[in-house]
């Protein structure tokens, strides 16, 4: 089993209160969604006409050569997605994904590319490796971070 984690909405609430000038000073762009902007908080595509923020986000903060940041979209009014254990949000199934397994030190120990409809099987296979501590999903074509995955809690039968 595995658990996909959304970014917490609280981390981005302040953005709604900033002026355009303040957002620009932080290198944050405001866009109006055409229905295809993937939000990392709601783990869904922002509906057409909705305001989204495009910002740089550090998704891999480990003190390793794999420390990384990239552009992400966040819906202005997003609420944190509550994803059930073992569930794949629909917005991931519609895209080609780069799947990267990291050890506890933040070093990449496995990686592959998969059609989003098959990502659950790949995640399970990666977690079969004891060295894989967490997995990062990225949208393969633009390369941007999509979500973090951890091992799920096994329920006793």
C-alpha atoms as a PDB file:
ATOM      1  CA  UNK A   1       0.000   0.000   0.000  1.00  0.00           C
ATOM      2  CA  UNK A   2       0.992   3.600  -0.532  1.00  0.00           C
ATOM      3  CA  UNK A   3      -0.214   7.102   0.310  1.00  0.00           C
ATOM      4  CA  UNK A   4      -0.173  10.060  -2.088  1.00  0.00           C
ATOM      5  CA  UNK A   5       0.192  13.429  -0.351  1.00  0.00           C
ATOM      6  CA  UNK A   6      -1.137  16.789  -1.513  1.00  0.00           C
ATOM      7  CA  UNK A   7       0.716  19.951  -0.609  1.00  0.00           C
ATOM      8  CA  UNK A   8      -1.074  21.661   2.309  1.00  0.00           C
ATOM      9  CA  UNK A   9      -3.264  24.617   1.331  1.00  0.00           C
ATOM     10  CA  UNK A  10      -2.043  26.564   4.377  1.00  0.00           C
ATOM     11  CA  UNK A  11       1.399  26.936   2.772  1.00  0.00           C
ATOM     12  CA  UNK A  12      -0.127  29.022  -0.020  1.00  0.00           C
ATOM     13  CA  UNK A  13      -2.977  30.952   1.649  1.00  0.00           C
ATOM     14  CA  UNK A  14      -0.913  34.123   1.882  1.00  0.00           C
ATOM     15  CA  UNK A  15      -0.690  34.324  -1.914  1.00  0.00           C
ATOM     16  CA  UNK A  16      -4.359  35.311  -2.115  1.00  0.00           C
ATOM     17  CA  UNK A  17      -3.657  38.428  -0.032  1.00  0.00           C
ATOM     18  CA  UNK A  18      -0.724  39.717  -2.089  1.00  0.00           C
ATOM     19  CA  UNK A  19      -0.969  42.415  -4.731  1.00  0.00           C
ATOM     20  CA  UNK A  20       0.149  41.751  -8.304  1.00  0.00           C
ATOM     21  CA  UNK A  21       3.285  43.764  -7.584  1.00  0.00           C
ATOM     22  CA  UNK A  22       4.074  41.696  -4.460  1.00  0.00           C
ATOM     23  CA  UNK A  23       3.515  38.467  -6.380  1.00  0.00           C
ATOM     24  CA  UNK A  24       5.826  39.633  -9.192  1.00  0.00           C
ATOM     25  CA  UNK A  25       8.501  40.518  -6.621  1.00  0.00           C
ATOM     26  CA  UNK A  26       8.375  36.860  -5.504  1.00  0.00           C
ATOM     27  CA  UNK A  27       8.475  35.633  -9.119  1.00  0.00           C
ATOM     28  CA  UNK A  28       4.929  34.300  -8.858  1.00  0.00           C
ATOM     29  CA  UNK A  29       2.716  34.476 -11.924  1.00  0.00           C
ATOM     30  CA  UNK A  30      -1.081  34.555 -11.973  1.00  0.00           C
ATOM     31  CA  UNK A  31      -2.866  32.627 -14.730  1.00  0.00           C
ATOM     32  CA  UNK A  32      -6.462  31.874 -15.592  1.00  0.00           C
ATOM     33  CA  UNK A  33      -6.936  28.150 -16.091  1.00  0.00           C
ATOM     34  CA  UNK A  34      -8.011  26.682 -19.395  1.00  0.00           C
ATOM     35  CA  UNK A  35      -8.999  23.519 -17.520  1.00  0.00           C
ATOM     36  CA  UNK A  36      -5.591  21.831 -17.771  1.00  0.00           C
ATOM     37  CA  UNK A  37      -3.567  23.462 -14.976  1.00  0.00           C
ATOM     38  CA  UNK A  38      -2.670  20.717 -12.450  1.00  0.00           C
ATOM     39  CA  UNK A  39      -2.946  21.937  -8.844  1.00  0.00           C
ATOM     40  CA  UNK A  40      -0.592  20.320  -6.311  1.00  0.00           C
ATOM     41  CA  UNK A  41      -2.906  21.150  -3.402  1.00  0.00           C
ATOM     42  CA  UNK A  42      -6.270  19.911  -4.690  1.00  0.00           C
ATOM     43  CA  UNK A  43      -4.569  17.208  -6.802  1.00  0.00           C
ATOM     44  CA  UNK A  44      -6.929  18.057  -9.627  1.00  0.00           C
ATOM     45  CA  UNK A  45      -6.936  20.182 -12.752  1.00  0.00           C
ATOM     46  CA  UNK A  46      -8.111  23.718 -12.037  1.00  0.00           C
ATOM     47  CA  UNK A  47     -11.490  24.312 -13.687  1.00  0.00           C
ATOM     48  CA  UNK A  48     -11.562  26.590 -16.715  1.00  0.00           C
ATOM     49  CA  UNK A  49     -11.670  30.254 -15.710  1.00  0.00           C
ATOM     50  CA  UNK A  50     -10.239  29.705 -12.216  1.00  0.00           C
ATOM     51  CA  UNK A  51      -7.242  31.720 -11.013  1.00  0.00           C
ATOM     52  CA  UNK A  52      -4.023  29.773 -10.410  1.00  0.00           C
ATOM     53  CA  UNK A  53      -0.591  30.753  -9.152  1.00  0.00           C
ATOM     54  CA  UNK A  54       2.562  29.561 -10.913  1.00  0.00           C
ATOM     55  CA  UNK A  55       5.463  29.532  -8.493  1.00  0.00           C
ATOM     56  CA  UNK A  56       8.788  27.895  -7.818  1.00  0.00           C
ATOM     57  CA  UNK A  57       8.599  25.232  -5.118  1.00  0.00           C
ATOM     58  CA  UNK A  58      11.264  23.142  -3.383  1.00  0.00           C
ATOM     59  CA  UNK A  59       9.844  19.628  -3.474  1.00  0.00           C
ATOM     60  CA  UNK A  60      13.061  17.773  -2.611  1.00  0.00           C
ATOM     61  CA  UNK A  61      14.721  19.475   0.346  1.00  0.00           C
ATOM     62  CA  UNK A  62      17.182  16.717   1.271  1.00  0.00           C
ATOM     63  CA  UNK A  63      20.813  17.710   1.677  1.00  0.00           C
ATOM     64  CA  UNK A  64      21.832  15.609  -1.322  1.00  0.00           C
ATOM     65  CA  UNK A  65      22.732  16.174  -4.969  1.00  0.00           C
ATOM     66  CA  UNK A  66      19.032  15.535  -5.712  1.00  0.00           C
ATOM     67  CA  UNK A  67      17.794  18.595  -3.843  1.00  0.00           C
ATOM     68  CA  UNK A  68      15.353  20.137  -6.280  1.00  0.00           C
ATOM     69  CA  UNK A  69      12.801  22.835  -6.992  1.00  0.00           C
ATOM     70  CA  UNK A  70      10.619  23.520  -9.989  1.00  0.00           C
ATOM     71  CA  UNK A  71       7.520  25.377 -11.116  1.00  0.00           C
ATOM     72  CA  UNK A  72       4.124  24.231  -9.806  1.00  0.00           C
ATOM     73  CA  UNK A  73       0.540  25.442 -10.135  1.00  0.00           C
ATOM     74  CA  UNK A  74      -1.663  26.075  -7.109  1.00  0.00           C
ATOM     75  CA  UNK A  75      -5.332  27.005  -7.411  1.00  0.00           C
ATOM     76  CA  UNK A  76      -6.082  30.300  -5.655  1.00  0.00           C
ATOM     77  CA  UNK A  77      -8.971  28.742  -3.719  1.00  0.00           C
ATOM     78  CA  UNK A  78      -7.594  25.222  -3.384  1.00  0.00           C
ATOM     79  CA  UNK A  79      -8.402  23.022  -0.426  1.00  0.00           C
ATOM     80  CA  UNK A  80      -5.997  20.244   0.521  1.00  0.00           C
ATOM     81  CA  UNK A  81      -6.975  16.996  -1.171  1.00  0.00           C
ATOM     82  CA  UNK A  82      -7.713  14.090   1.148  1.00  0.00           C
ATOM     83  CA  UNK A  83      -6.485  11.079  -0.799  1.00  0.00           C
ATOM     84  CA  UNK A  84      -7.357   7.601   0.438  1.00  0.00           C
ATOM     85  CA  UNK A  85      -4.555   5.109   0.901  1.00  0.00           C
ATOM     86  CA  UNK A  86      -3.839   3.317  -2.386  1.00  0.00           C
ATOM     87  CA  UNK A  87      -5.876   5.849  -4.400  1.00  0.00           C
ATOM     88  CA  UNK A  88      -4.544   7.618  -7.503  1.00  0.00           C
ATOM     89  CA  UNK A  89      -6.036  11.080  -8.150  1.00  0.00           C
ATOM     90  CA  UNK A  90      -7.579  11.308 -11.631  1.00  0.00           C
ATOM     91  CA  UNK A  91      -5.327  14.179 -12.736  1.00  0.00           C
ATOM     92  CA  UNK A  92      -2.319  11.836 -12.441  1.00  0.00           C
ATOM     93  CA  UNK A  93      -3.922   9.113 -14.564  1.00  0.00           C
ATOM     94  CA  UNK A  94      -4.273  11.504 -17.517  1.00  0.00           C
ATOM     95  CA  UNK A  95      -0.549  12.192 -17.892  1.00  0.00           C
ATOM     96  CA  UNK A  96       2.788  10.547 -18.580  1.00  0.00           C
ATOM     97  CA  UNK A  97       4.616  10.401 -15.247  1.00  0.00           C
ATOM     98  CA  UNK A  98       8.233  10.248 -14.183  1.00  0.00           C
ATOM     99  CA  UNK A  99       8.430   8.183 -10.994  1.00  0.00           C
ATOM    100  CA  UNK A 100      11.501   8.666  -8.789  1.00  0.00           C
ATOM    101  CA  UNK A 101      12.328   6.578  -5.733  1.00  0.00           C
ATOM    102  CA  UNK A 102      14.491   8.153  -3.009  1.00  0.00           C
ATOM    103  CA  UNK A 103      16.247   6.637  -0.006  1.00  0.00           C
ATOM    104  CA  UNK A 104      16.258   8.179   3.500  1.00  0.00           C
ATOM    105  CA  UNK A 105      19.282  10.336   2.606  1.00  0.00           C
ATOM    106  CA  UNK A 106      17.436  11.859  -0.348  1.00  0.00           C
ATOM    107  CA  UNK A 107      19.391  10.005  -3.013  1.00  0.00           C
ATOM    108  CA  UNK A 108      17.562   8.648  -6.034  1.00  0.00           C
ATOM    109  CA  UNK A 109      17.760   4.849  -6.051  1.00  0.00           C
ATOM    110  CA  UNK A 110      15.246   4.058  -8.811  1.00  0.00           C
ATOM    111  CA  UNK A 111      13.374   5.879 -11.555  1.00  0.00           C
ATOM    112  CA  UNK A 112      11.065   5.083 -14.437  1.00  0.00           C
ATOM    113  CA  UNK A 113       8.483   6.645 -16.736  1.00  0.00           C
ATOM    114  CA  UNK A 114       4.928   5.312 -16.902  1.00  0.00           C
ATOM    115  CA  UNK A 115       1.497   6.100 -18.293  1.00  0.00           C
ATOM    116  CA  UNK A 116      -0.424   7.541 -15.337  1.00  0.00           C
ATOM    117  CA  UNK A 117      -3.015   4.769 -15.591  1.00  0.00           C
ATOM    118  CA  UNK A 118      -0.304   2.258 -14.599  1.00  0.00           C
ATOM    119  CA  UNK A 119       1.415   4.316 -11.887  1.00  0.00           C
ATOM    120  CA  UNK A 120      -0.029   2.326  -8.956  1.00  0.00           C
ATOM    121  CA  UNK A 121       1.728  -0.865 -10.070  1.00  0.00           C
ATOM    122  CA  UNK A 122       5.049   0.935 -10.529  1.00  0.00           C
ATOM    123  CA  UNK A 123       4.789   2.610  -7.113  1.00  0.00           C
ATOM    124  CA  UNK A 124       4.097  -0.764  -5.463  1.00  0.00           C
ATOM    125  CA  UNK A 125       7.090  -2.337  -7.267  1.00  0.00           C
ATOM    126  CA  UNK A 126       9.380   0.497  -6.178  1.00  0.00           C
ATOM    127  CA  UNK A 127       8.236   0.171  -2.573  1.00  0.00           C
ATOM    128  CA  UNK A 128       9.104  -3.546  -2.746  1.00  0.00           C
ATOM    129  CA  UNK A 129      12.705  -2.302  -2.587  1.00  0.00           C
ATOM    130  CA  UNK A 130      13.679  -1.728   1.061  1.00  0.00           C
ATOM    131  CA  UNK A 131      15.985   1.159   0.072  1.00  0.00           C
ATOM    132  CA  UNK A 132      13.089   3.234  -1.320  1.00  0.00           C
ATOM    133  CA  UNK A 133      11.841   5.524   1.453  1.00  0.00           C
ATOM    134  CA  UNK A 134       9.592   7.819  -0.587  1.00  0.00           C
ATOM    135  CA  UNK A 135       8.618   8.405  -4.186  1.00  0.00           C
ATOM    136  CA  UNK A 136       8.163  11.631  -6.093  1.00  0.00           C
ATOM    137  CA  UNK A 137       5.827  11.799  -9.058  1.00  0.00           C
ATOM    138  CA  UNK A 138       6.611  14.306 -11.794  1.00  0.00           C
ATOM    139  CA  UNK A 139       4.812  15.178 -14.995  1.00  0.00           C
ATOM    140  CA  UNK A 140       7.262  13.627 -17.440  1.00  0.00           C
ATOM    141  CA  UNK A 141       7.008  16.061 -20.325  1.00  0.00           C
ATOM    142  CA  UNK A 142       7.372  19.402 -18.473  1.00  0.00           C
ATOM    143  CA  UNK A 143       9.357  17.742 -15.661  1.00  0.00           C
ATOM    144  CA  UNK A 144       7.535  19.472 -12.828  1.00  0.00           C
ATOM    145  CA  UNK A 145       6.742  17.915  -9.460  1.00  0.00           C
ATOM    146  CA  UNK A 146       3.256  16.431  -9.099  1.00  0.00           C
ATOM    147  CA  UNK A 147       3.042  14.702  -5.699  1.00  0.00           C
ATOM    148  CA  UNK A 148       4.926  12.847  -2.959  1.00  0.00           C
ATOM    149  CA  UNK A 149       4.181   9.207  -2.158  1.00  0.00           C
ATOM    150  CA  UNK A 150       4.988   7.361   1.063  1.00  0.00           C
ATOM    151  CA  UNK A 151       4.490   3.794   2.161  1.00  0.00           C
ATOM    152  CA  UNK A 152       0.966   3.154   3.374  1.00  0.00           C
ATOM    153  CA  UNK A 153      -0.022   1.697   6.702  1.00  0.00           C
ATOM    154  CA  UNK A 154      -0.906  -1.967   6.370  1.00  0.00           C
ATOM    155  CA  UNK A 155      -4.183  -2.784   8.064  1.00  0.00           C
ATOM    156  CA  UNK A 156      -4.458  -6.011  10.058  1.00  0.00           C
ATOM    157  CA  UNK A 157      -7.095  -8.361   8.644  1.00  0.00           C
END
